[in-house]
Amino acid sequence: MIQVDDNPMPWNEGMTVASLLAQVEDAKFCSVVRLNGRLVSSPKFDQTLVPDNAVIQLWLKVLGSSESGLYWIKL
């Protein structure tokens, strides 16, 4: 079992961030996830394995006017 934005979801062997997001409603605009405290960006979704008991937070990248030019908001 894993936690995705505080919601329990079943885990399976070989699960990647990409395969997980395919099961989550409204995740198509997710550009970054926090996987057990570590940020993973979309280019690495296909190769990043999700371990059992993982805690995942979904984040959306938004352009803005900060010094870095980017804001991250939690989905």
C-alpha atoms as a PDB file:
ATOM      1  CA  MET A   1       0.000   0.000   0.000  1.00  0.00           C
ATOM      2  CA  ILE A   2       1.189   3.536  -0.781  1.00  0.00           C
ATOM      3  CA  GLN A   3      -0.093   7.021   0.101  1.00  0.00           C
ATOM      4  CA  VAL A   4      -0.785   9.490  -2.719  1.00  0.00           C
ATOM      5  CA  ASP A   5      -1.697  12.947  -1.409  1.00  0.00           C
ATOM      6  CA  ASP A   6      -2.924  11.339   1.841  1.00  0.00           C
ATOM      7  CA  ASN A   7      -5.046   8.768  -0.021  1.00  0.00           C
ATOM      8  CA  PRO A   8      -4.178   5.063   0.246  1.00  0.00           C
ATOM      9  CA  MET A   9      -3.605   3.252  -3.041  1.00  0.00           C
ATOM     10  CA  PRO A  10      -2.606  -0.319  -3.801  1.00  0.00           C
ATOM     11  CA  TRP A  11       1.035  -0.951  -4.670  1.00  0.00           C
ATOM     12  CA  ASN A  12       2.357  -3.517  -7.137  1.00  0.00           C
ATOM     13  CA  GLU A  13       5.812  -4.831  -7.967  1.00  0.00           C
ATOM     14  CA  GLY A  14       7.520  -2.821 -10.723  1.00  0.00           C
ATOM     15  CA  MET A  15       5.305   0.241 -10.234  1.00  0.00           C
ATOM     16  CA  THR A  16       6.861   3.408 -11.654  1.00  0.00           C
ATOM     17  CA  VAL A  17       5.834   7.007 -11.092  1.00  0.00           C
ATOM     18  CA  ALA A  18       4.454   7.024 -14.665  1.00  0.00           C
ATOM     19  CA  SER A  19       2.309   3.909 -14.130  1.00  0.00           C
ATOM     20  CA  LEU A  20       1.068   5.303 -10.828  1.00  0.00           C
ATOM     21  CA  LEU A  21       0.073   8.638 -12.379  1.00  0.00           C
ATOM     22  CA  ALA A  22      -1.846   6.799 -15.105  1.00  0.00           C
ATOM     23  CA  GLN A  23      -4.158   5.564 -12.313  1.00  0.00           C
ATOM     24  CA  VAL A  24      -4.630   8.956 -10.613  1.00  0.00           C
ATOM     25  CA  GLU A  25      -7.420  11.256 -11.736  1.00  0.00           C
ATOM     26  CA  ASP A  26      -6.294  14.784 -12.744  1.00  0.00           C
ATOM     27  CA  ALA A  27      -2.601  13.832 -12.713  1.00  0.00           C
ATOM     28  CA  LYS A  28      -1.936  14.564 -16.396  1.00  0.00           C
ATOM     29  CA  PHE A  29      -0.589  18.041 -15.539  1.00  0.00           C
ATOM     30  CA  CYS A  30       1.655  16.771 -12.764  1.00  0.00           C
ATOM     31  CA  SER A  31       5.227  17.765 -13.566  1.00  0.00           C
ATOM     32  CA  VAL A  32       6.937  16.835 -10.295  1.00  0.00           C
ATOM     33  CA  VAL A  33       6.261  14.394  -7.489  1.00  0.00           C
ATOM     34  CA  ARG A  34       7.742  14.210  -4.035  1.00  0.00           C
ATOM     35  CA  LEU A  35       8.510  10.536  -3.470  1.00  0.00           C
ATOM     36  CA  ASN A  36       9.453   9.811   0.142  1.00  0.00           C
ATOM     37  CA  GLY A  37      10.726  13.376   0.461  1.00  0.00           C
ATOM     38  CA  ARG A  38      12.734  13.367  -2.804  1.00  0.00           C
ATOM     39  CA  LEU A  39      11.680  15.432  -5.830  1.00  0.00           C
ATOM     40  CA  VAL A  40      11.286  13.519  -9.093  1.00  0.00           C
ATOM     41  CA  SER A  41      10.634  15.452 -12.320  1.00  0.00           C
ATOM     42  CA  SER A  42       8.591  14.228 -15.277  1.00  0.00           C
ATOM     43  CA  PRO A  43      11.547  13.165 -17.476  1.00  0.00           C
ATOM     44  CA  LYS A  44      12.337  10.513 -14.839  1.00  0.00           C
ATOM     45  CA  PHE A  45       8.763   9.268 -14.225  1.00  0.00           C
ATOM     46  CA  ASP A  46       9.166   6.207 -16.498  1.00  0.00           C
ATOM     47  CA  GLN A  47      12.358   5.002 -14.814  1.00  0.00           C
ATOM     48  CA  THR A  48      11.637   5.844 -11.161  1.00  0.00           C
ATOM     49  CA  LEU A  49      10.311   2.879  -9.188  1.00  0.00           C
ATOM     50  CA  VAL A  50       7.802   3.439  -6.412  1.00  0.00           C
ATOM     51  CA  PRO A  51       8.624   1.299  -3.362  1.00  0.00           C
ATOM     52  CA  ASP A  52       5.970  -0.297  -1.180  1.00  0.00           C
ATOM     53  CA  ASN A  53       4.811   1.973   1.676  1.00  0.00           C
ATOM     54  CA  ALA A  54       5.888   5.077  -0.288  1.00  0.00           C
ATOM     55  CA  VAL A  55       4.470   8.516   0.432  1.00  0.00           C
ATOM     56  CA  ILE A  56       3.877  10.522  -2.744  1.00  0.00           C
ATOM     57  CA  GLN A  57       2.795  14.131  -3.188  1.00  0.00           C
ATOM     58  CA  LEU A  58       1.766  15.417  -6.613  1.00  0.00           C
ATOM     59  CA  TRP A  59       2.959  18.883  -7.663  1.00  0.00           C
ATOM     60  CA  LEU A  60       2.205  21.136 -10.617  1.00  0.00           C
ATOM     61  CA  LYS A  61       4.755  23.548 -12.074  1.00  0.00           C
ATOM     62  CA  VAL A  62       3.382  27.029 -12.692  1.00  0.00           C
ATOM     63  CA  LEU A  63       5.199  29.931 -14.330  1.00  0.00           C
ATOM     64  CA  GLY A  64       5.175  33.087 -12.273  1.00  0.00           C
ATOM     65  CA  SER A  65       7.101  36.189 -11.367  1.00  0.00           C
ATOM     66  CA  SER A  66       9.384  34.988  -8.608  1.00  0.00           C
ATOM     67  CA  GLU A  67      13.151  35.325  -8.994  1.00  0.00           C
ATOM     68  CA  SER A  68      13.369  31.781 -10.306  1.00  0.00           C
ATOM     69  CA  GLY A  69      10.357  32.284 -12.556  1.00  0.00           C
ATOM     70  CA  LEU A  70       8.717  29.080 -11.289  1.00  0.00           C
ATOM     71  CA  TYR A  71       6.228  28.210  -8.601  1.00  0.00           C
ATOM     72  CA  TRP A  72       5.245  24.727  -7.493  1.00  0.00           C
ATOM     73  CA  ILE A  73       1.752  24.074  -6.205  1.00  0.00           C
ATOM     74  CA  LYS A  74       0.429  20.900  -4.666  1.00  0.00           C
ATOM     75  CA  LEU A  75      -2.372  19.251  -6.652  1.00  0.00           C
END
